[in-house]
Amino acid sequence: MGERGRLQTNQLSRKVPPVAPVEVVLQEPPRPIVLEAPFVVTLEVTNSGSQTARFSLSWIKAKLGPLYPIGPTVTPLSDLAPHASTTVQLTVRAWRAESVPGTTTAFEADTT
């Protein structure tokens, strides 16, 4: 009674999001972390791009997770040459019992 049907679809085009020319690594946080007690985290920021760039670290309210910043929510950094690094110390507070992220989900590095 007819031929078997075939599903034909077009290729979906999806833009690949641009890769930020920055790498942010959380150094080892202090142990133990006490809820509501301030502690310092150290971040290493590396310019992984091919040009000198100026970066700033900004807290993203929707991605804070268990951490809350103490002090400014935007930290400007000095100019970084290609593949150069700098360290930044931030004072934060854990406001709920949850794993402190080993990644930088609470931070976003912006080029300015």
N, C-alpha and C. Protein backbone atom coordinates (compact mmCIF):
# COMPACT_ATOMS: atom_id res chain seq x y z
N MET A 1 0.81 -1.20 0.00
CA MET A 1 0.00 0.00 0.00
C MET A 1 0.85 1.25 0.00
N GLY A 2 1.81 1.34 -0.60
CA GLY A 2 2.62 2.53 -0.65
C GLY A 2 4.01 2.28 -0.11
N GLU A 3 4.81 3.29 -0.23
CA GLU A 3 6.18 3.16 0.22
C GLU A 3 6.31 3.56 1.67
N ARG A 4 7.31 3.00 2.29
CA ARG A 4 7.63 3.35 3.67
C ARG A 4 8.14 4.79 3.71
N GLY A 5 7.65 5.58 4.65
CA GLY A 5 8.03 6.98 4.73
C GLY A 5 9.41 7.17 5.35
N ARG A 6 10.05 8.23 4.98
CA ARG A 6 11.34 8.59 5.55
C ARG A 6 11.24 10.00 6.10
N LEU A 7 11.78 10.18 7.29
CA LEU A 7 11.81 11.50 7.90
C LEU A 7 13.00 12.26 7.37
N GLN A 8 12.75 13.41 6.83
CA GLN A 8 13.83 14.23 6.31
C GLN A 8 13.84 15.54 7.11
N THR A 9 15.00 15.85 7.66
CA THR A 9 15.13 17.10 8.42
C THR A 9 16.32 17.88 7.88
N ASN A 10 16.23 19.15 8.00
CA ASN A 10 17.35 20.02 7.63
C ASN A 10 18.33 20.05 8.79
N GLN A 11 19.58 20.28 8.46
CA GLN A 11 20.57 20.45 9.50
C GLN A 11 20.24 21.71 10.29
N LEU A 12 20.29 21.60 11.60
CA LEU A 12 20.07 22.77 12.44
C LEU A 12 21.37 23.53 12.55
N SER A 13 21.30 24.81 12.25
CA SER A 13 22.53 25.59 12.39
C SER A 13 22.53 26.22 13.77
N ARG A 14 23.61 26.06 14.46
CA ARG A 14 23.75 26.60 15.81
C ARG A 14 25.07 27.32 15.89
N LYS A 15 25.00 28.55 16.32
CA LYS A 15 26.23 29.30 16.49
C LYS A 15 26.96 28.80 17.72
N VAL A 16 28.23 28.61 17.56
CA VAL A 16 29.06 28.21 18.69
C VAL A 16 29.35 29.46 19.50
N PRO A 17 29.09 29.41 20.82
CA PRO A 17 29.36 30.61 21.62
C PRO A 17 30.84 30.95 21.60
N PRO A 18 31.16 32.24 21.59
CA PRO A 18 32.58 32.63 21.56
C PRO A 18 33.28 32.22 22.85
N VAL A 19 34.52 31.84 22.71
CA VAL A 19 35.32 31.44 23.86
C VAL A 19 35.97 32.70 24.43
N ALA A 20 35.76 32.90 25.72
CA ALA A 20 36.36 34.06 26.36
C ALA A 20 37.87 33.87 26.45
N PRO A 21 38.62 34.92 26.21
CA PRO A 21 40.08 34.78 26.24
C PRO A 21 40.63 34.88 27.67
N VAL A 22 39.95 34.24 28.60
CA VAL A 22 40.38 34.31 30.00
C VAL A 22 40.13 32.97 30.68
N GLU A 23 41.00 32.64 31.58
CA GLU A 23 40.85 31.43 32.38
C GLU A 23 40.92 31.86 33.85
N VAL A 24 39.92 31.44 34.62
CA VAL A 24 39.87 31.78 36.04
C VAL A 24 39.87 30.48 36.84
N VAL A 25 40.85 30.34 37.74
CA VAL A 25 40.99 29.12 38.53
C VAL A 25 40.92 29.47 40.01
N LEU A 26 40.07 28.77 40.73
CA LEU A 26 39.97 28.95 42.17
C LEU A 26 41.07 28.15 42.84
N GLN A 27 41.91 28.85 43.61
CA GLN A 27 42.95 28.18 44.37
C GLN A 27 42.28 27.48 45.56
N GLU A 28 43.00 26.70 46.28
CA GLU A 28 42.45 25.94 47.41
C GLU A 28 41.83 26.87 48.45
N PRO A 29 40.51 26.74 48.74
CA PRO A 29 39.90 27.57 49.77
C PRO A 29 40.28 27.07 51.16
N PRO A 30 40.14 27.91 52.18
CA PRO A 30 40.48 27.47 53.54
C PRO A 30 39.54 26.36 53.99
N ARG A 31 40.02 25.51 54.82
CA ARG A 31 39.23 24.40 55.38
C ARG A 31 39.33 24.44 56.89
N PRO A 32 38.32 24.25 57.64
CA PRO A 32 36.93 24.19 57.21
C PRO A 32 36.38 25.58 56.97
N ILE A 33 35.28 25.63 56.24
CA ILE A 33 34.58 26.89 56.02
C ILE A 33 33.39 26.90 56.96
N VAL A 34 33.28 27.95 57.76
CA VAL A 34 32.21 28.07 58.74
C VAL A 34 31.13 28.97 58.15
N LEU A 35 29.88 28.52 58.22
CA LEU A 35 28.77 29.32 57.71
C LEU A 35 28.77 30.70 58.34
N GLU A 36 28.52 31.70 57.52
CA GLU A 36 28.42 33.10 57.92
C GLU A 36 29.73 33.73 58.39
N ALA A 37 30.82 32.98 58.39
CA ALA A 37 32.12 33.53 58.78
C ALA A 37 32.89 33.92 57.52
N PRO A 38 33.40 35.13 57.44
CA PRO A 38 34.15 35.55 56.26
C PRO A 38 35.42 34.71 56.06
N PHE A 39 35.75 34.47 54.81
CA PHE A 39 37.00 33.81 54.47
C PHE A 39 37.48 34.34 53.13
N VAL A 40 38.75 34.14 52.86
CA VAL A 40 39.37 34.68 51.65
C VAL A 40 39.57 33.56 50.64
N VAL A 41 39.17 33.82 49.39
CA VAL A 41 39.47 32.91 48.29
C VAL A 41 40.47 33.60 47.38
N THR A 42 41.34 32.81 46.79
CA THR A 42 42.32 33.34 45.86
C THR A 42 42.02 32.78 44.48
N LEU A 43 41.89 33.68 43.51
CA LEU A 43 41.65 33.30 42.13
C LEU A 43 42.88 33.64 41.31
N GLU A 44 43.21 32.75 40.39
CA GLU A 44 44.26 33.04 39.42
C GLU A 44 43.59 33.32 38.08
N VAL A 45 43.84 34.50 37.53
CA VAL A 45 43.23 34.92 36.27
C VAL A 45 44.33 34.94 35.22
N THR A 46 44.11 34.21 34.12
CA THR A 46 45.09 34.11 33.04
C THR A 46 44.48 34.60 31.74
N ASN A 47 45.19 35.46 31.04
CA ASN A 47 44.77 35.91 29.71
C ASN A 47 45.18 34.82 28.72
N SER A 48 44.21 34.06 28.23
CA SER A 48 44.53 32.99 27.29
C SER A 48 44.39 33.45 25.84
N GLY A 49 44.17 34.74 25.66
CA GLY A 49 44.07 35.29 24.31
C GLY A 49 45.42 35.63 23.72
N SER A 50 45.39 36.19 22.53
CA SER A 50 46.64 36.53 21.83
C SER A 50 46.97 38.01 21.91
N GLN A 51 46.13 38.79 22.62
CA GLN A 51 46.38 40.23 22.74
C GLN A 51 46.31 40.64 24.20
N THR A 52 46.98 41.74 24.52
CA THR A 52 46.88 42.30 25.86
C THR A 52 45.44 42.73 26.10
N ALA A 53 44.92 42.43 27.27
CA ALA A 53 43.52 42.74 27.57
C ALA A 53 43.39 43.21 29.02
N ARG A 54 42.35 43.96 29.27
CA ARG A 54 42.02 44.40 30.63
C ARG A 54 40.74 43.66 31.03
N PHE A 55 40.76 43.05 32.20
CA PHE A 55 39.63 42.27 32.67
C PHE A 55 39.08 42.85 33.96
N SER A 56 37.85 42.46 34.28
CA SER A 56 37.29 42.75 35.59
C SER A 56 36.49 41.52 36.01
N LEU A 57 36.48 41.24 37.30
CA LEU A 57 35.68 40.14 37.84
C LEU A 57 34.39 40.72 38.39
N SER A 58 33.27 40.14 37.99
CA SER A 58 31.96 40.61 38.44
C SER A 58 31.19 39.46 39.06
N TRP A 59 30.55 39.73 40.19
CA TRP A 59 29.67 38.73 40.80
C TRP A 59 28.38 38.68 39.99
N ILE A 60 27.92 37.47 39.67
CA ILE A 60 26.67 37.28 38.95
C ILE A 60 25.64 36.82 39.97
N LYS A 61 24.63 37.66 40.21
CA LYS A 61 23.66 37.38 41.27
C LYS A 61 22.99 36.02 41.10
N ALA A 62 22.64 35.66 39.88
CA ALA A 62 21.93 34.40 39.64
C ALA A 62 22.83 33.18 39.83
N LYS A 63 24.16 33.36 39.86
CA LYS A 63 25.08 32.23 39.94
C LYS A 63 25.87 32.19 41.24
N LEU A 64 25.43 32.94 42.23
CA LEU A 64 26.21 33.02 43.47
C LEU A 64 26.29 31.70 44.20
N GLY A 65 25.25 30.91 44.16
CA GLY A 65 25.27 29.66 44.90
C GLY A 65 25.39 29.93 46.39
N PRO A 66 26.27 29.23 47.07
CA PRO A 66 26.36 29.39 48.52
C PRO A 66 27.23 30.56 48.97
N LEU A 67 27.81 31.30 48.04
CA LEU A 67 28.75 32.36 48.41
C LEU A 67 28.12 33.74 48.30
N TYR A 68 28.56 34.62 49.17
CA TYR A 68 28.11 36.01 49.16
C TYR A 68 29.34 36.90 49.28
N PRO A 69 29.48 37.89 48.40
CA PRO A 69 30.67 38.73 48.45
C PRO A 69 30.64 39.70 49.62
N ILE A 70 31.79 39.98 50.17
CA ILE A 70 31.94 41.03 51.17
C ILE A 70 32.82 42.08 50.51
N GLY A 71 32.29 43.24 50.30
CA GLY A 71 33.03 44.27 49.59
C GLY A 71 32.48 44.48 48.20
N PRO A 72 33.29 45.06 47.30
CA PRO A 72 32.80 45.40 45.96
C PRO A 72 32.38 44.16 45.17
N THR A 73 31.36 44.32 44.31
CA THR A 73 30.91 43.22 43.47
C THR A 73 31.61 43.21 42.11
N VAL A 74 32.38 44.25 41.82
CA VAL A 74 33.18 44.30 40.59
C VAL A 74 34.62 44.60 41.00
N THR A 75 35.54 43.76 40.54
CA THR A 75 36.96 43.94 40.85
C THR A 75 37.72 44.16 39.55
N PRO A 76 38.16 45.40 39.27
CA PRO A 76 38.94 45.62 38.05
C PRO A 76 40.35 45.04 38.21
N LEU A 77 40.86 44.51 37.12
CA LEU A 77 42.21 43.95 37.11
C LEU A 77 43.10 44.78 36.20
N SER A 78 44.39 44.67 36.39
CA SER A 78 45.33 45.39 35.53
C SER A 78 45.39 44.73 34.15
N ASP A 79 46.01 45.43 33.21
CA ASP A 79 46.19 44.86 31.88
C ASP A 79 47.01 43.58 31.98
N LEU A 80 46.59 42.57 31.22
CA LEU A 80 47.31 41.30 31.20
C LEU A 80 47.81 41.03 29.78
N ALA A 81 49.10 40.80 29.66
CA ALA A 81 49.69 40.42 28.37
C ALA A 81 49.21 39.01 28.02
N PRO A 82 49.34 38.61 26.75
CA PRO A 82 48.94 37.25 26.38
C PRO A 82 49.65 36.21 27.26
N HIS A 83 48.88 35.27 27.76
CA HIS A 83 49.36 34.15 28.59
C HIS A 83 49.93 34.59 29.94
N ALA A 84 49.69 35.83 30.32
CA ALA A 84 50.13 36.31 31.64
C ALA A 84 49.02 36.03 32.65
N SER A 85 49.40 35.94 33.93
CA SER A 85 48.46 35.66 35.01
C SER A 85 48.59 36.68 36.12
N THR A 86 47.53 36.80 36.89
CA THR A 86 47.55 37.59 38.11
C THR A 86 46.66 36.88 39.12
N THR A 87 46.90 37.14 40.39
CA THR A 87 46.04 36.55 41.42
C THR A 87 45.20 37.65 42.06
N VAL A 88 44.02 37.27 42.46
CA VAL A 88 43.07 38.18 43.08
C VAL A 88 42.55 37.50 44.34
N GLN A 89 42.53 38.24 45.43
CA GLN A 89 41.96 37.71 46.67
C GLN A 89 40.63 38.41 46.92
N LEU A 90 39.60 37.61 47.19
CA LEU A 90 38.27 38.13 47.46
C LEU A 90 37.80 37.61 48.81
N THR A 91 37.14 38.45 49.57
CA THR A 91 36.56 38.03 50.84
C THR A 91 35.11 37.68 50.60
N VAL A 92 34.74 36.48 51.00
CA VAL A 92 33.38 35.97 50.77
C VAL A 92 32.84 35.35 52.06
N ARG A 93 31.58 35.02 52.02
CA ARG A 93 30.92 34.37 53.14
C ARG A 93 30.03 33.27 52.58
N ALA A 94 30.06 32.10 53.19
CA ALA A 94 29.15 31.02 52.81
C ALA A 94 27.88 31.20 53.61
N TRP A 95 26.75 31.34 52.94
CA TRP A 95 25.51 31.62 53.66
C TRP A 95 24.58 30.42 53.74
N ARG A 96 24.96 29.30 53.12
CA ARG A 96 24.17 28.08 53.30
C ARG A 96 25.10 26.88 53.17
N ALA A 97 24.70 25.78 53.78
CA ALA A 97 25.51 24.56 53.75
C ALA A 97 25.37 23.92 52.38
N GLU A 98 26.42 24.02 51.61
CA GLU A 98 26.47 23.46 50.27
C GLU A 98 27.94 23.41 49.89
N SER A 99 28.28 22.58 48.96
CA SER A 99 29.67 22.52 48.52
C SER A 99 30.08 23.86 47.96
N VAL A 100 31.23 24.35 48.39
CA VAL A 100 31.79 25.56 47.79
C VAL A 100 32.33 25.15 46.44
N PRO A 101 31.93 25.86 45.38
CA PRO A 101 32.31 25.41 44.04
C PRO A 101 33.81 25.35 43.84
N GLY A 102 34.25 24.29 43.18
CA GLY A 102 35.65 24.16 42.81
C GLY A 102 35.91 24.82 41.48
N THR A 103 34.85 25.34 40.90
CA THR A 103 34.98 26.07 39.64
C THR A 103 34.64 27.52 39.90
N THR A 104 34.51 28.27 38.84
CA THR A 104 34.27 29.70 39.01
C THR A 104 32.84 30.06 38.66
N THR A 105 31.90 29.20 39.01
CA THR A 105 30.53 29.48 38.64
C THR A 105 29.99 30.75 39.26
N ALA A 106 30.56 31.21 40.35
CA ALA A 106 30.05 32.42 40.99
C ALA A 106 30.67 33.68 40.40
N PHE A 107 31.62 33.53 39.51
CA PHE A 107 32.33 34.67 38.98
C PHE A 107 32.21 34.70 37.48
N GLU A 108 32.28 35.89 36.93
CA GLU A 108 32.36 36.02 35.48
C GLU A 108 33.45 37.02 35.19
N ALA A 109 34.32 36.69 34.30
CA ALA A 109 35.39 37.61 33.92
C ALA A 109 34.97 38.33 32.66
N ASP A 110 34.97 39.63 32.71
CA ASP A 110 34.59 40.45 31.57
C ASP A 110 35.81 41.18 31.05
N THR A 111 35.88 41.33 29.74
CA THR A 111 36.90 42.19 29.17
C THR A 111 36.32 43.59 29.13
N THR A 112 37.12 44.56 29.46
CA THR A 112 36.64 45.94 29.44
C THR A 112 37.47 46.76 28.49
